[in-house]
Amino acid sequence: MNFKYDKVILIDDDPINNLINRKIFSKTVPDVHIFEFLEGKNALQFLESAESIENTLVLLDINMPIMNGWDFLDIFTSKGYRLDVWMLSSSIDPRDEVKSHTYPSVKGFIGKPLSQDKIKDTFF
């Protein structure tokens, strides 16, 4: 089975998490293009200006300053984007996972930390 995405967008306000997640993805899926954003606003600007966003996976943190994951999803949904979004969060509040299922683009919820096994089990 193959990884069905060409690009991965990491949205997390913690640069260390983005660095670790980039390295894990690079080891697991060497050919994928990875884009990191510390703010959802910048990720939305990237999506608007990108030539192609087909086959793009979005991994989205919930708790971020300025624009949290829910704010991002509200704008993302209002713009009609049809990408697969997975929540990648350290939240242990079960209401967050329940709320994530109210967004059509959200395909699932992954607890931090990300690992090669989680990538293989979830996306392959």
PDB file of N, CA and C in Angstrom:
ATOM      1  N   MET A   1       0.827  -1.182   0.000  1.00  0.00           N
ATOM      2  CA  MET A   1       0.000   0.000   0.000  1.00  0.00           C
ATOM      3  C   MET A   1       0.875   1.250   0.000  1.00  0.00           C
ATOM      4  N   ASN A   2       0.404   2.293  -0.653  1.00  0.00           N
ATOM      5  CA  ASN A   2       1.194   3.513  -0.794  1.00  0.00           C
ATOM      6  C   ASN A   2       0.595   4.674  -0.014  1.00  0.00           C
ATOM      7  N   PHE A   3       1.429   5.636   0.265  1.00  0.00           N
ATOM      8  CA  PHE A   3       1.015   6.889   0.873  1.00  0.00           C
ATOM      9  C   PHE A   3       0.337   7.702  -0.219  1.00  0.00           C
ATOM     10  N   LYS A   4      -0.901   8.118  -0.027  1.00  0.00           N
ATOM     11  CA  LYS A   4      -1.676   8.726  -1.115  1.00  0.00           C
ATOM     12  C   LYS A   4      -1.519  10.234  -1.243  1.00  0.00           C
ATOM     13  N   TYR A   5      -0.659  10.823  -0.430  1.00  0.00           N
ATOM     14  CA  TYR A   5      -0.500  12.278  -0.436  1.00  0.00           C
ATOM     15  C   TYR A   5       0.847  12.668  -1.035  1.00  0.00           C
ATOM     16  N   ASP A   6       0.846  13.795  -1.753  1.00  0.00           N
ATOM     17  CA  ASP A   6       2.090  14.355  -2.291  1.00  0.00           C
ATOM     18  C   ASP A   6       2.692  15.378  -1.339  1.00  0.00           C
ATOM     19  N   LYS A   7       1.806  16.029  -0.578  1.00  0.00           N
ATOM     20  CA  LYS A   7       2.231  17.102   0.329  1.00  0.00           C
ATOM     21  C   LYS A   7       1.628  16.881   1.701  1.00  0.00           C
ATOM     22  N   VAL A   8       2.372  17.324   2.707  1.00  0.00           N
ATOM     23  CA  VAL A   8       1.875  17.332   4.079  1.00  0.00           C
ATOM     24  C   VAL A   8       2.067  18.741   4.622  1.00  0.00           C
ATOM     25  N   ILE A   9       0.997  19.287   5.194  1.00  0.00           N
ATOM     26  CA  ILE A   9       1.057  20.588   5.838  1.00  0.00           C
ATOM     27  C   ILE A   9       0.959  20.363   7.340  1.00  0.00           C
ATOM     28  N   LEU A  10       1.995  20.799   8.053  1.00  0.00           N
ATOM     29  CA  LEU A  10       2.021  20.712   9.509  1.00  0.00           C
ATOM     30  C   LEU A  10       1.678  22.090  10.064  1.00  0.00           C
ATOM     31  N   ILE A  11       0.646  22.157  10.894  1.00  0.00           N
ATOM     32  CA  ILE A  11       0.258  23.429  11.506  1.00  0.00           C
ATOM     33  C   ILE A  11       0.303  23.244  13.016  1.00  0.00           C
ATOM     34  N   ASP A  12       1.326  23.804  13.615  1.00  0.00           N
ATOM     35  CA  ASP A  12       1.533  23.695  15.059  1.00  0.00           C
ATOM     36  C   ASP A  12       2.351  24.898  15.506  1.00  0.00           C
ATOM     37  N   ASP A  13       1.954  25.522  16.590  1.00  0.00           N
ATOM     38  CA  ASP A  13       2.662  26.719  17.047  1.00  0.00           C
ATOM     39  C   ASP A  13       3.995  26.403  17.710  1.00  0.00           C
ATOM     40  N   ASP A  14       4.288  25.134  17.909  1.00  0.00           N
ATOM     41  CA  ASP A  14       5.551  24.733  18.535  1.00  0.00           C
ATOM     42  C   ASP A  14       6.550  24.315  17.454  1.00  0.00           C
ATOM     43  N   PRO A  15       7.604  25.121  17.229  1.00  0.00           N
ATOM     44  CA  PRO A  15       8.562  24.793  16.165  1.00  0.00           C
ATOM     45  C   PRO A  15       9.276  23.465  16.400  1.00  0.00           C
ATOM     46  N   ILE A  16       9.458  23.068  17.654  1.00  0.00           N
ATOM     47  CA  ILE A  16      10.106  21.779  17.943  1.00  0.00           C
ATOM     48  C   ILE A  16       9.213  20.627  17.479  1.00  0.00           C
ATOM     49  N   ASN A  17       7.907  20.729  17.752  1.00  0.00           N
ATOM     50  CA  ASN A  17       6.982  19.695  17.265  1.00  0.00           C
ATOM     51  C   ASN A  17       7.020  19.605  15.749  1.00  0.00           C
ATOM     52  N   ASN A  18       7.020  20.755  15.082  1.00  0.00           N
ATOM     53  CA  ASN A  18       7.080  20.736  13.621  1.00  0.00           C
ATOM     54  C   ASN A  18       8.371  20.091  13.126  1.00  0.00           C
ATOM     55  N   LEU A  19       9.482  20.409  13.761  1.00  0.00           N
ATOM     56  CA  LEU A  19      10.767  19.826  13.378  1.00  0.00           C
ATOM     57  C   LEU A  19      10.757  18.304  13.551  1.00  0.00           C
ATOM     58  N   ILE A  20      10.292  17.849  14.691  1.00  0.00           N
ATOM     59  CA  ILE A  20      10.228  16.404  14.958  1.00  0.00           C
ATOM     60  C   ILE A  20       9.290  15.722  13.970  1.00  0.00           C
ATOM     61  N   ASN A  21       8.115  16.312  13.758  1.00  0.00           N
ATOM     62  CA  ASN A  21       7.146  15.710  12.841  1.00  0.00           C
ATOM     63  C   ASN A  21       7.663  15.686  11.411  1.00  0.00           C
ATOM     64  N   ARG A  22       8.388  16.731  11.023  1.00  0.00           N
ATOM     65  CA  ARG A  22       9.002  16.758   9.686  1.00  0.00           C
ATOM     66  C   ARG A  22       9.996  15.592   9.540  1.00  0.00           C
ATOM     67  N   LYS A  23      10.829  15.411  10.543  1.00  0.00           N
ATOM     68  CA  LYS A  23      11.833  14.347  10.475  1.00  0.00           C
ATOM     69  C   LYS A  23      11.174  12.964  10.437  1.00  0.00           C
ATOM     70  N   ILE A  24      10.134  12.779  11.234  1.00  0.00           N
ATOM     71  CA  ILE A  24       9.432  11.488  11.253  1.00  0.00           C
ATOM     72  C   ILE A  24       8.787  11.223   9.897  1.00  0.00           C
ATOM     73  N   PHE A  25       8.133  12.234   9.328  1.00  0.00           N
ATOM     74  CA  PHE A  25       7.531  12.056   8.009  1.00  0.00           C
ATOM     75  C   PHE A  25       8.599  11.802   6.951  1.00  0.00           C
ATOM     76  N   SER A  26       9.703  12.530   7.010  1.00  0.00           N
ATOM     77  CA  SER A  26      10.773  12.359   6.019  1.00  0.00           C
ATOM     78  C   SER A  26      11.358  10.957   6.055  1.00  0.00           C
ATOM     79  N   LYS A  27      11.472  10.388   7.245  1.00  0.00           N
ATOM     80  CA  LYS A  27      11.969   9.008   7.358  1.00  0.00           C
ATOM     81  C   LYS A  27      10.945   7.998   6.853  1.00  0.00           C
ATOM     82  N   THR A  28       9.681   8.250   7.128  1.00  0.00           N
ATOM     83  CA  THR A  28       8.623   7.300   6.794  1.00  0.00           C
ATOM     84  C   THR A  28       8.205   7.405   5.337  1.00  0.00           C
ATOM     85  N   VAL A  29       8.137   8.624   4.828  1.00  0.00           N
ATOM     86  CA  VAL A  29       7.701   8.876   3.454  1.00  0.00           C
ATOM     87  C   VAL A  29       8.700   9.852   2.823  1.00  0.00           C
ATOM     88  N   PRO A  30       9.843   9.345   2.358  1.00  0.00           N
ATOM     89  CA  PRO A  30      10.930  10.221   1.908  1.00  0.00           C
ATOM     90  C   PRO A  30      10.566  11.170   0.760  1.00  0.00           C
ATOM     91  N   ASP A  31       9.611  10.821  -0.090  1.00  0.00           N
ATOM     92  CA  ASP A  31       9.308  11.628  -1.277  1.00  0.00           C
ATOM     93  C   ASP A  31       8.253  12.702  -1.057  1.00  0.00           C
ATOM     94  N   VAL A  32       7.670  12.771   0.113  1.00  0.00           N
ATOM     95  CA  VAL A  32       6.595  13.734   0.350  1.00  0.00           C
ATOM     96  C   VAL A  32       7.168  15.131   0.590  1.00  0.00           C
ATOM     97  N   HIS A  33       6.455  16.146   0.106  1.00  0.00           N
ATOM     98  CA  HIS A  33       6.843  17.540   0.331  1.00  0.00           C
ATOM     99  C   HIS A  33       6.152  18.004   1.608  1.00  0.00           C
ATOM    100  N   ILE A  34       6.922  18.562   2.525  1.00  0.00           N
ATOM    101  CA  ILE A  34       6.395  18.951   3.826  1.00  0.00           C
ATOM    102  C   ILE A  34       6.491  20.464   3.981  1.00  0.00           C
ATOM    103  N   PHE A  35       5.396  21.043   4.421  1.00  0.00           N
ATOM    104  CA  PHE A  35       5.324  22.478   4.671  1.00  0.00           C
ATOM    105  C   PHE A  35       4.917  22.676   6.128  1.00  0.00           C
ATOM    106  N   GLU A  36       5.634  23.552   6.823  1.00  0.00           N
ATOM    107  CA  GLU A  36       5.368  23.788   8.239  1.00  0.00           C
ATOM    108  C   GLU A  36       4.877  25.210   8.441  1.00  0.00           C
ATOM    109  N   PHE A  37       3.892  25.339   9.325  1.00  0.00           N
ATOM    110  CA  PHE A  37       3.374  26.658   9.660  1.00  0.00           C
ATOM    111  C   PHE A  37       3.168  26.738  11.161  1.00  0.00           C
ATOM    112  N   LEU A  38       3.575  27.870  11.731  1.00  0.00           N
ATOM    113  CA  LEU A  38       3.400  28.103  13.167  1.00  0.00           C
ATOM    114  C   LEU A  38       2.057  28.759  13.463  1.00  0.00           C
ATOM    115  N   GLU A  39       1.396  29.252  12.421  1.00  0.00           N
ATOM    116  CA  GLU A  39       0.089  29.901  12.563  1.00  0.00           C
ATOM    117  C   GLU A  39      -0.836  29.427  11.445  1.00  0.00           C
ATOM    118  N   GLY A  40      -2.089  29.204  11.808  1.00  0.00           N
ATOM    119  CA  GLY A  40      -3.077  28.782  10.824  1.00  0.00           C
ATOM    120  C   GLY A  40      -3.275  29.793   9.716  1.00  0.00           C
ATOM    121  N   LYS A  41      -3.162  31.077  10.051  1.00  0.00           N
ATOM    122  CA  LYS A  41      -3.348  32.145   9.063  1.00  0.00           C
ATOM    123  C   LYS A  41      -2.352  31.984   7.914  1.00  0.00           C
ATOM    124  N   ASN A  42      -1.104  31.671   8.251  1.00  0.00           N
ATOM    125  CA  ASN A  42      -0.080  31.496   7.212  1.00  0.00           C
ATOM    126  C   ASN A  42      -0.354  30.260   6.366  1.00  0.00           C
ATOM    127  N   ALA A  43      -0.872  29.217   6.970  1.00  0.00           N
ATOM    128  CA  ALA A  43      -1.228  28.014   6.212  1.00  0.00           C
ATOM    129  C   ALA A  43      -2.370  28.313   5.243  1.00  0.00           C
ATOM    130  N   LEU A  44      -3.347  29.087   5.680  1.00  0.00           N
ATOM    131  CA  LEU A  44      -4.451  29.467   4.790  1.00  0.00           C
ATOM    132  C   LEU A  44      -3.946  30.304   3.621  1.00  0.00           C
ATOM    133  N   GLN A  45      -3.014  31.205   3.881  1.00  0.00           N
ATOM    134  CA  GLN A  45      -2.429  32.011   2.800  1.00  0.00           C
ATOM    135  C   GLN A  45      -1.689  31.114   1.814  1.00  0.00           C
ATOM    136  N   PHE A  46      -0.983  30.111   2.335  1.00  0.00           N
ATOM    137  CA  PHE A  46      -0.287  29.160   1.465  1.00  0.00           C
ATOM    138  C   PHE A  46      -1.287  28.419   0.576  1.00  0.00           C
ATOM    139  N   LEU A  47      -2.384  27.945   1.167  1.00  0.00           N
ATOM    140  CA  LEU A  47      -3.388  27.207   0.397  1.00  0.00           C
ATOM    141  C   LEU A  47      -3.987  28.088  -0.707  1.00  0.00           C
ATOM    142  N   GLU A  48      -4.203  29.349  -0.400  1.00  0.00           N
ATOM    143  CA  GLU A  48      -4.776  30.267  -1.393  1.00  0.00           C
ATOM    144  C   GLU A  48      -3.828  30.524  -2.553  1.00  0.00           C
ATOM    145  N   SER A  49      -2.529  30.547  -2.276  1.00  0.00           N
ATOM    146  CA  SER A  49      -1.567  30.906  -3.314  1.00  0.00           C
ATOM    147  C   SER A  49      -0.911  29.701  -3.998  1.00  0.00           C
ATOM    148  N   ALA A  50      -1.117  28.505  -3.477  1.00  0.00           N
ATOM    149  CA  ALA A  50      -0.469  27.320  -4.043  1.00  0.00           C
ATOM    150  C   ALA A  50      -1.027  27.000  -5.425  1.00  0.00           C
ATOM    151  N   GLU A  51      -0.146  26.569  -6.312  1.00  0.00           N
ATOM    152  CA  GLU A  51      -0.576  26.189  -7.661  1.00  0.00           C
ATOM    153  C   GLU A  51      -1.502  24.987  -7.619  1.00  0.00           C
ATOM    154  N   SER A  52      -1.167  24.017  -6.787  1.00  0.00           N
ATOM    155  CA  SER A  52      -1.983  22.821  -6.661  1.00  0.00           C
ATOM    156  C   SER A  52      -1.970  22.364  -5.206  1.00  0.00           C
ATOM    157  N   ILE A  53      -3.152  22.046  -4.717  1.00  0.00           N
ATOM    158  CA  ILE A  53      -3.232  21.511  -3.357  1.00  0.00           C
ATOM    159  C   ILE A  53      -3.842  20.110  -3.351  1.00  0.00           C
ATOM    160  N   GLU A  54      -4.004  19.542  -4.539  1.00  0.00           N
ATOM    161  CA  GLU A  54      -4.506  18.172  -4.608  1.00  0.00           C
ATOM    162  C   GLU A  54      -3.552  17.243  -3.880  1.00  0.00           C
ATOM    163  N   ASN A  55      -4.099  16.181  -3.329  1.00  0.00           N
ATOM    164  CA  ASN A  55      -3.304  15.161  -2.633  1.00  0.00           C
ATOM    165  C   ASN A  55      -2.487  15.745  -1.482  1.00  0.00           C
ATOM    166  N   THR A  56      -3.096  16.680  -0.764  1.00  0.00           N
ATOM    167  CA  THR A  56      -2.434  17.311   0.373  1.00  0.00           C
ATOM    168  C   THR A  56      -3.099  16.875   1.660  1.00  0.00           C
ATOM    169  N   LEU A  57      -2.284  16.502   2.622  1.00  0.00           N
ATOM    170  CA  LEU A  57      -2.726  16.119   3.959  1.00  0.00           C
ATOM    171  C   LEU A  57      -2.406  17.260   4.905  1.00  0.00           C
ATOM    172  N   VAL A  58      -3.347  17.613   5.773  1.00  0.00           N
ATOM    173  CA  VAL A  58      -3.137  18.660   6.768  1.00  0.00           C
ATOM    174  C   VAL A  58      -3.158  18.022   8.148  1.00  0.00           C
ATOM    175  N   LEU A  59      -2.091  18.239   8.913  1.00  0.00           N
ATOM    176  CA  LEU A  59      -2.056  17.833  10.317  1.00  0.00           C
ATOM    177  C   LEU A  59      -2.148  19.101  11.148  1.00  0.00           C
ATOM    178  N   LEU A  60      -3.185  19.194  11.954  1.00  0.00           N
ATOM    179  CA  LEU A  60      -3.554  20.445  12.601  1.00  0.00           C
ATOM    180  C   LEU A  60      -3.596  20.297  14.118  1.00  0.00           C
ATOM    181  N   ASP A  61      -2.857  21.160  14.797  1.00  0.00           N
ATOM    182  CA  ASP A  61      -2.920  21.232  16.254  1.00  0.00           C
ATOM    183  C   ASP A  61      -4.171  22.023  16.642  1.00  0.00           C
ATOM    184  N   ILE A  62      -4.688  21.770  17.832  1.00  0.00           N
ATOM    185  CA  ILE A  62      -5.885  22.479  18.289  1.00  0.00           C
ATOM    186  C   ILE A  62      -5.525  23.754  19.037  1.00  0.00           C
ATOM    187  N   ASN A  63      -4.708  23.603  20.065  1.00  0.00           N
ATOM    188  CA  ASN A  63      -4.438  24.716  20.973  1.00  0.00           C
ATOM    189  C   ASN A  63      -3.249  25.537  20.496  1.00  0.00           C
ATOM    190  N   MET A  64      -3.579  26.658  19.858  1.00  0.00           N
ATOM    191  CA  MET A  64      -2.553  27.578  19.368  1.00  0.00           C
ATOM    192  C   MET A  64      -3.035  28.998  19.642  1.00  0.00           C
ATOM    193  N   PRO A  65      -2.098  29.921  19.885  1.00  0.00           N
ATOM    194  CA  PRO A  65      -2.513  31.316  20.054  1.00  0.00           C
ATOM    195  C   PRO A  65      -2.871  31.924  18.698  1.00  0.00           C
ATOM    196  N   ILE A  66      -3.450  33.067  18.716  1.00  0.00           N
ATOM    197  CA  ILE A  66      -3.848  33.853  17.545  1.00  0.00           C
ATOM    198  C   ILE A  66      -5.005  33.172  16.801  1.00  0.00           C
ATOM    199  N   MET A  67      -4.763  32.026  16.183  1.00  0.00           N
ATOM    200  CA  MET A  67      -5.813  31.280  15.491  1.00  0.00           C
ATOM    201  C   MET A  67      -5.681  29.824  15.919  1.00  0.00           C
ATOM    202  N   ASN A  68      -6.642  29.338  16.697  1.00  0.00           N
ATOM    203  CA  ASN A  68      -6.558  27.938  17.117  1.00  0.00           C
ATOM    204  C   ASN A  68      -7.054  27.022  15.997  1.00  0.00           C
ATOM    205  N   GLY A  69      -6.971  25.740  16.224  1.00  0.00           N
ATOM    206  CA  GLY A  69      -7.355  24.778  15.197  1.00  0.00           C
ATOM    207  C   GLY A  69      -8.806  24.907  14.761  1.00  0.00           C
ATOM    208  N   TRP A  70      -9.690  25.222  15.710  1.00  0.00           N
ATOM    209  CA  TRP A  70     -11.112  25.363  15.376  1.00  0.00           C
ATOM    210  C   TRP A  70     -11.332  26.593  14.487  1.00  0.00           C
ATOM    211  N   ASP A  71     -10.654  27.690  14.815  1.00  0.00           N
ATOM    212  CA  ASP A  71     -10.757  28.894  13.979  1.00  0.00           C
ATOM    213  C   ASP A  71     -10.269  28.592  12.558  1.00  0.00           C
ATOM    214  N   PHE A  72      -9.151  27.871  12.477  1.00  0.00           N
ATOM    215  CA  PHE A  72      -8.614  27.485  11.175  1.00  0.00           C
ATOM    216  C   PHE A  72      -9.654  26.675  10.404  1.00  0.00           C
ATOM    217  N   LEU A  73     -10.244  25.680  11.064  1.00  0.00           N
ATOM    218  CA  LEU A  73     -11.223  24.823  10.396  1.00  0.00           C
ATOM    219  C   LEU A  73     -12.459  25.591   9.945  1.00  0.00           C
ATOM    220  N   ASP A  74     -12.888  26.564  10.736  1.00  0.00           N
ATOM    221  CA  ASP A  74     -14.048  27.369  10.339  1.00  0.00           C
ATOM    222  C   ASP A  74     -13.770  28.108   9.033  1.00  0.00           C
ATOM    223  N   ILE A  75     -12.606  28.721   8.924  1.00  0.00           N
ATOM    224  CA  ILE A  75     -12.252  29.458   7.698  1.00  0.00           C
ATOM    225  C   ILE A  75     -11.997  28.478   6.551  1.00  0.00           C
ATOM    226  N   PHE A  76     -11.254  27.421   6.825  1.00  0.00           N
ATOM    227  CA  PHE A  76     -10.949  26.372   5.846  1.00  0.00           C
ATOM    228  C   PHE A  76     -12.245  25.841   5.226  1.00  0.00           C
ATOM    229  N   THR A  77     -13.224  25.550   6.075  1.00  0.00           N
ATOM    230  CA  THR A  77     -14.502  25.006   5.615  1.00  0.00           C
ATOM    231  C   THR A  77     -15.277  26.052   4.812  1.00  0.00           C
ATOM    232  N   SER A  78     -15.273  27.296   5.286  1.00  0.00           N
ATOM    233  CA  SER A  78     -16.019  28.348   4.585  1.00  0.00           C
ATOM    234  C   SER A  78     -15.456  28.615   3.193  1.00  0.00           C
ATOM    235  N   LYS A  79     -14.173  28.344   2.997  1.00  0.00           N
ATOM    236  CA  LYS A  79     -13.544  28.544   1.687  1.00  0.00           C
ATOM    237  C   LYS A  79     -13.747  27.344   0.759  1.00  0.00           C
ATOM    238  N   GLY A  80     -14.336  26.278   1.276  1.00  0.00           N
ATOM    239  CA  GLY A  80     -14.665  25.129   0.439  1.00  0.00           C
ATOM    240  C   GLY A  80     -13.514  24.181   0.154  1.00  0.00           C
ATOM    241  N   TYR A  81     -12.440  24.250   0.921  1.00  0.00           N
ATOM    242  CA  TYR A  81     -11.325  23.319   0.704  1.00  0.00           C
ATOM    243  C   TYR A  81     -11.779  21.890   0.987  1.00  0.00           C
ATOM    244  N   ARG A  82     -11.312  20.979   0.170  1.00  0.00           N
ATOM    245  CA  ARG A  82     -11.674  19.572   0.308  1.00  0.00           C
ATOM    246  C   ARG A  82     -10.414  18.727   0.478  1.00  0.00           C
ATOM    247  N   LEU A  83      -9.675  19.019   1.510  1.00  0.00           N
ATOM    248  CA  LEU A  83      -8.462  18.266   1.822  1.00  0.00           C
ATOM    249  C   LEU A  83      -8.714  17.423   3.058  1.00  0.00           C
ATOM    250  N   ASP A  84      -7.935  16.367   3.199  1.00  0.00           N
ATOM    251  CA  ASP A  84      -8.012  15.555   4.404  1.00  0.00           C
ATOM    252  C   ASP A  84      -7.267  16.252   5.532  1.00  0.00           C
ATOM    253  N   VAL A  85      -7.964  16.471   6.631  1.00  0.00           N
ATOM    254  CA  VAL A  85      -7.380  17.083   7.809  1.00  0.00           C
ATOM    255  C   VAL A  85      -7.412  16.063   8.942  1.00  0.00           C
ATOM    256  N   TRP A  86      -6.305  15.925   9.615  1.00  0.00           N
ATOM    257  CA  TRP A  86      -6.222  15.102  10.818  1.00  0.00           C
ATOM    258  C   TRP A  86      -5.790  16.003  11.956  1.00  0.00           C
ATOM    259  N   MET A  87      -6.509  15.939  13.037  1.00  0.00           N
ATOM    260  CA  MET A  87      -6.137  16.703  14.220  1.00  0.00           C
ATOM    261  C   MET A  87      -4.954  15.979  14.864  1.00  0.00           C
ATOM    262  N   LEU A  88      -3.912  16.712  15.152  1.00  0.00           N
ATOM    263  CA  LEU A  88      -2.730  16.166  15.826  1.00  0.00           C
ATOM    264  C   LEU A  88      -2.559  16.983  17.094  1.00  0.00           C
ATOM    265  N   SER A  89      -2.983  16.410  18.208  1.00  0.00           N
ATOM    266  CA  SER A  89      -3.079  17.218  19.411  1.00  0.00           C
ATOM    267  C   SER A  89      -2.672  16.451  20.657  1.00  0.00           C
ATOM    268  N   SER A  90      -2.252  17.210  21.651  1.00  0.00           N
ATOM    269  CA  SER A  90      -1.960  16.627  22.961  1.00  0.00           C
ATOM    270  C   SER A  90      -3.180  16.757  23.879  1.00  0.00           C
ATOM    271  N   SER A  91      -4.282  17.267  23.349  1.00  0.00           N
ATOM    272  CA  SER A  91      -5.493  17.432  24.149  1.00  0.00           C
ATOM    273  C   SER A  91      -6.010  16.067  24.610  1.00  0.00           C
ATOM    274  N   ILE A  92      -6.375  15.994  25.868  1.00  0.00           N
ATOM    275  CA  ILE A  92      -6.970  14.766  26.394  1.00  0.00           C
ATOM    276  C   ILE A  92      -8.460  14.967  26.672  1.00  0.00           C
ATOM    277  N   ASP A  93      -8.984  16.111  26.266  1.00  0.00           N
ATOM    278  CA  ASP A  93     -10.396  16.405  26.452  1.00  0.00           C
ATOM    279  C   ASP A  93     -11.199  15.661  25.382  1.00  0.00           C
ATOM    280  N   PRO A  94     -12.029  14.707  25.776  1.00  0.00           N
ATOM    281  CA  PRO A  94     -12.789  13.939  24.778  1.00  0.00           C
ATOM    282  C   PRO A  94     -13.726  14.808  23.938  1.00  0.00           C
ATOM    283  N   ARG A  95     -14.093  15.982  24.451  1.00  0.00           N
ATOM    284  CA  ARG A  95     -14.958  16.881  23.678  1.00  0.00           C
ATOM    285  C   ARG A  95     -14.242  17.388  22.421  1.00  0.00           C
ATOM    286  N   ASP A  96     -12.909  17.488  22.465  1.00  0.00           N
ATOM    287  CA  ASP A  96     -12.168  17.924  21.276  1.00  0.00           C
ATOM    288  C   ASP A  96     -12.306  16.914  20.150  1.00  0.00           C
ATOM    289  N   GLU A  97     -12.176  15.645  20.477  1.00  0.00           N
ATOM    290  CA  GLU A  97     -12.322  14.631  19.428  1.00  0.00           C
ATOM    291  C   GLU A  97     -13.743  14.610  18.886  1.00  0.00           C
ATOM    292  N   VAL A  98     -14.720  14.729  19.767  1.00  0.00           N
ATOM    293  CA  VAL A  98     -16.122  14.763  19.331  1.00  0.00           C
ATOM    294  C   VAL A  98     -16.350  15.970  18.421  1.00  0.00           C
ATOM    295  N   LYS A  99     -15.862  17.138  18.827  1.00  0.00           N
ATOM    296  CA  LYS A  99     -16.029  18.355  18.024  1.00  0.00           C
ATOM    297  C   LYS A  99     -15.355  18.216  16.666  1.00  0.00           C
ATOM    298  N   SER A 100     -14.206  17.541  16.621  1.00  0.00           N
ATOM    299  CA  SER A 100     -13.487  17.403  15.348  1.00  0.00           C
ATOM    300  C   SER A 100     -14.336  16.678  14.302  1.00  0.00           C
ATOM    301  N   HIS A 101     -15.207  15.793  14.753  1.00  0.00           N
ATOM    302  CA  HIS A 101     -16.045  15.033  13.816  1.00  0.00           C
ATOM    303  C   HIS A 101     -17.187  15.864  13.225  1.00  0.00           C
ATOM    304  N   THR A 102     -17.369  17.098  13.709  1.00  0.00           N
ATOM    305  CA  THR A 102     -18.408  17.956  13.140  1.00  0.00           C
ATOM    306  C   THR A 102     -17.925  18.656  11.873  1.00  0.00           C
ATOM    307  N   TYR A 103     -16.640  18.534  11.563  1.00  0.00           N
ATOM    308  CA  TYR A 103     -16.078  19.141  10.355  1.00  0.00           C
ATOM    309  C   TYR A 103     -15.908  18.052   9.294  1.00  0.00           C
ATOM    310  N   PRO A 104     -16.513  18.234   8.112  1.00  0.00           N
ATOM    311  CA  PRO A 104     -16.444  17.190   7.081  1.00  0.00           C
ATOM    312  C   PRO A 104     -15.028  16.837   6.643  1.00  0.00           C
ATOM    313  N   SER A 105     -14.109  17.795   6.663  1.00  0.00           N
ATOM    314  CA  SER A 105     -12.746  17.524   6.207  1.00  0.00           C
ATOM    315  C   SER A 105     -11.927  16.737   7.222  1.00  0.00           C
ATOM    316  N   VAL A 106     -12.325  16.774   8.474  1.00  0.00           N
ATOM    317  CA  VAL A 106     -11.536  16.098   9.509  1.00  0.00           C
ATOM    318  C   VAL A 106     -11.795  14.601   9.429  1.00  0.00           C
ATOM    319  N   LYS A 107     -10.733  13.878   9.149  1.00  0.00           N
ATOM    320  CA  LYS A 107     -10.819  12.429   8.966  1.00  0.00           C
ATOM    321  C   LYS A 107     -10.494  11.655  10.236  1.00  0.00           C
ATOM    322  N   GLY A 108      -9.849  12.319  11.208  1.00  0.00           N
ATOM    323  CA  GLY A 108      -9.506  11.614  12.429  1.00  0.00           C
ATOM    324  C   GLY A 108      -8.731  12.472  13.397  1.00  0.00           C
ATOM    325  N   PHE A 109      -8.367  11.858  14.491  1.00  0.00           N
ATOM    326  CA  PHE A 109      -7.726  12.530  15.614  1.00  0.00           C
ATOM    327  C   PHE A 109      -6.541  11.679  16.038  1.00  0.00           C
ATOM    328  N   ILE A 110      -5.352  12.257  16.033  1.00  0.00           N
ATOM    329  CA  ILE A 110      -4.130  11.547  16.417  1.00  0.00           C
ATOM    330  C   ILE A 110      -3.551  12.241  17.643  1.00  0.00           C
ATOM    331  N   GLY A 111      -3.251  11.465  18.661  1.00  0.00           N
ATOM    332  CA  GLY A 111      -2.628  12.030  19.850  1.00  0.00           C
ATOM    333  C   GLY A 111      -1.137  12.207  19.644  1.00  0.00           C
ATOM    334  N   LYS A 112      -0.622  13.315  20.183  1.00  0.00           N
ATOM    335  CA  LYS A 112       0.829  13.532  20.156  1.00  0.00           C
ATOM    336  C   LYS A 112       1.459  12.614  21.185  1.00  0.00           C
ATOM    337  N   PRO A 113       2.685  12.222  20.977  1.00  0.00           N
ATOM    338  CA  PRO A 113       3.565  12.572  19.863  1.00  0.00           C
ATOM    339  C   PRO A 113       3.310  11.691  18.636  1.00  0.00           C
ATOM    340  N   LEU A 114       3.606  12.262  17.480  1.00  0.00           N
ATOM    341  CA  LEU A 114       3.529  11.523  16.232  1.00  0.00           C
ATOM    342  C   LEU A 114       4.681  10.530  16.190  1.00  0.00           C
ATOM    343  N   SER A 115       4.459   9.394  15.558  1.00  0.00           N
ATOM    344  CA  SER A 115       5.521   8.387  15.424  1.00  0.00           C
ATOM    345  C   SER A 115       5.419   7.745  14.048  1.00  0.00           C
ATOM    346  N   GLN A 116       6.475   7.034  13.666  1.00  0.00           N
ATOM    347  CA  GLN A 116       6.437   6.309  12.393  1.00  0.00           C
ATOM    348  C   GLN A 116       5.310   5.288  12.401  1.00  0.00           C
ATOM    349  N   ASP A 117       5.119   4.615  13.524  1.00  0.00           N
ATOM    350  CA  ASP A 117       4.046   3.624  13.602  1.00  0.00           C
ATOM    351  C   ASP A 117       2.677   4.256  13.414  1.00  0.00           C
ATOM    352  N   LYS A 118       2.463   5.427  14.019  1.00  0.00           N
ATOM    353  CA  LYS A 118       1.176   6.107  13.853  1.00  0.00           C
ATOM    354  C   LYS A 118       0.961   6.514  12.400  1.00  0.00           C
ATOM    355  N   ILE A 119       2.010   6.981  11.740  1.00  0.00           N
ATOM    356  CA  ILE A 119       1.895   7.341  10.321  1.00  0.00           C
ATOM    357  C   ILE A 119       1.549   6.101   9.507  1.00  0.00           C
ATOM    358  N   LYS A 120       2.271   5.012   9.730  1.00  0.00           N
ATOM    359  CA  LYS A 120       2.027   3.774   8.964  1.00  0.00           C
ATOM    360  C   LYS A 120       0.638   3.224   9.240  1.00  0.00           C
ATOM    361  N   ASP A 121       0.226   3.215  10.497  1.00  0.00           N
ATOM    362  CA  ASP A 121      -1.081   2.661  10.856  1.00  0.00           C
ATOM    363  C   ASP A 121      -2.231   3.519  10.356  1.00  0.00           C
ATOM    364  N   THR A 122      -2.023   4.817  10.248  1.00  0.00           N
ATOM    365  CA  THR A 122      -3.098   5.742   9.895  1.00  0.00           C
ATOM    366  C   THR A 122      -3.188   6.006   8.400  1.00  0.00           C
ATOM    367  N   PHE A 123      -2.075   6.139   7.733  1.00  0.00           N
ATOM    368  CA  PHE A 123      -2.087   6.635   6.353  1.00  0.00           C
ATOM    369  C   PHE A 123      -1.663   5.625   5.303  1.00  0.00           C
ATOM    370  N   PHE A 124      -1.335   4.424   5.681  1.00  0.00           N
ATOM    371  CA  PHE A 124      -0.947   3.413   4.693  1.00  0.00           C
ATOM    372  C   PHE A 124      -1.939   2.272   4.684  1.00  0.00           C
TER     373      PHE A 124
END
